[in-house]
Every structure is written in structure tokens, then in C-alpha cells.
């Protein structure tokens, strides 16, 4: 898995271009996030379903950058968060 890594302000988003929704898929995203932010705790990660037109119903994770974490260059900046499905 090669997740898409994005940052908007103090929040990071990891997702892919698939509609996968399994536990294994989410676990791989979480593992990638923890590799970049070792202090990240499971309780600080939100599993989300995106809305909008481009990535509607795709799953991903969001989390606030840990206070002791530097954002790696592999995270592309975006100007606004993606809408979420309720």
C-alpha cells in the first residue's frame, strides 16, 4: 500500500484511491501514520468516510499532528479538509 498523505493546518489525512473498507485496510493506514509519527496513539486517530464529488465514500484516517511531531515532506499540503459523510 502506498497511501496518499496530506496535511491541512494541524491535521493529517491518509487515504488511497480505492474504496476498500476492511479492518486490514484501515490497519495499514494506521501503521503508515505511526511510522511517520511514532508518538501517535490509536485514540487520536479517526476513521472517516469522505464525501464530496472526487472521493465520495472512500475511507481514510485523520489525526491531529502530535505536539512533538514534525510533518514529513511526504505529506502534501491541501487548502481545506475533505467533506465527511455523516
Protein backbone atom coordinates (compact mmCIF):
# COMPACT_ATOMS: atom_id res chain seq x y z
CA UNK A 1 0.00 0.00 0.00
CA UNK A 2 1.26 3.42 -0.92
CA UNK A 3 -1.07 5.83 0.91
CA UNK A 4 -1.74 9.38 -0.16
CA UNK A 5 -0.50 11.57 2.69
CA UNK A 6 -1.88 15.08 3.06
CA UNK A 7 -1.80 17.84 5.65
CA UNK A 8 -4.23 20.69 6.24
CA UNK A 9 -3.21 23.01 9.04
CA UNK A 10 -2.60 20.81 12.07
CA UNK A 11 -4.43 17.76 10.68
CA UNK A 12 -3.03 14.89 8.63
CA UNK A 13 -5.02 12.67 6.29
CA UNK A 14 -4.02 9.28 4.93
CA UNK A 15 -6.08 7.65 2.19
CA UNK A 16 -5.72 5.76 -1.08
CA UNK A 17 -7.54 5.77 -4.40
CA UNK A 18 -9.60 2.67 -3.57
CA UNK A 19 -12.96 2.02 -1.99
CA UNK A 20 -11.52 -0.54 0.44
CA UNK A 21 -13.25 -0.60 3.82
CA UNK A 22 -11.74 -3.59 5.62
CA UNK A 23 -10.07 -3.69 9.01
CA UNK A 24 -6.83 -4.69 7.27
CA UNK A 25 -7.00 -1.60 5.03
CA UNK A 26 -7.51 0.77 7.97
CA UNK A 27 -4.79 -1.02 9.97
CA UNK A 28 -2.30 -0.44 7.14
CA UNK A 29 -3.13 3.27 7.06
CA UNK A 30 -2.68 3.46 10.83
CA UNK A 31 0.66 1.63 10.61
CA UNK A 32 1.87 4.10 7.95
CA UNK A 33 0.82 7.04 10.13
CA UNK A 34 2.58 5.61 13.18
CA UNK A 35 5.73 5.09 11.14
CA UNK A 36 5.75 8.84 10.42
CA UNK A 37 4.55 9.84 13.92
CA UNK A 38 5.75 7.24 16.49
CA UNK A 39 4.03 9.07 19.37
CA UNK A 40 0.62 8.82 17.67
CA UNK A 41 -1.92 6.90 19.76
CA UNK A 42 -4.86 4.88 18.41
CA UNK A 43 -7.29 7.01 20.42
CA UNK A 44 -6.17 10.09 18.48
CA UNK A 45 -6.98 8.65 15.04
CA UNK A 46 -10.37 8.99 13.37
CA UNK A 47 -11.52 6.55 10.70
CA UNK A 48 -13.57 8.56 8.22
CA UNK A 49 -15.64 8.16 5.06
CA UNK A 50 -15.10 11.09 2.74
CA UNK A 51 -17.87 12.96 0.96
CA UNK A 52 -17.72 15.39 -1.92
CA UNK A 53 -17.51 14.54 -5.62
CA UNK A 54 -13.98 13.22 -6.16
CA UNK A 55 -13.52 10.79 -3.29
CA UNK A 56 -17.08 10.18 -2.07
CA UNK A 57 -17.40 7.07 0.13
CA UNK A 58 -13.65 6.36 0.15
CA UNK A 59 -12.25 5.56 3.60
CA UNK A 60 -9.22 7.07 5.26
CA UNK A 61 -7.88 8.27 8.57
CA UNK A 62 -7.40 11.73 10.05
CA UNK A 63 -5.45 12.84 13.09
CA UNK A 64 -4.04 15.96 14.67
CA UNK A 65 -0.28 16.22 14.36
CA UNK A 66 1.20 15.23 17.74
CA UNK A 67 2.69 18.21 19.58
CA UNK A 68 6.18 16.69 19.38
CA UNK A 69 5.84 15.67 15.73
CA UNK A 70 7.35 17.26 12.66
CA UNK A 71 5.38 16.76 9.45
CA UNK A 72 7.47 14.76 6.95
CA UNK A 73 7.97 16.12 3.44
CA UNK A 74 5.95 13.18 2.10
CA UNK A 75 2.74 14.94 3.25
CA UNK A 76 1.29 17.19 0.54
CA UNK A 77 -0.38 20.37 1.76
CA UNK A 78 -4.07 20.85 0.93
CA UNK A 79 -6.06 24.05 1.45
CA UNK A 80 -9.17 22.60 3.09
CA UNK A 81 -10.30 19.38 4.70
CA UNK A 82 -12.41 16.97 2.68
CA UNK A 83 -16.12 16.85 3.50
CA UNK A 84 -17.12 13.78 5.52
CA UNK A 85 -20.15 11.56 5.23
CA UNK A 86 -22.35 11.66 8.31
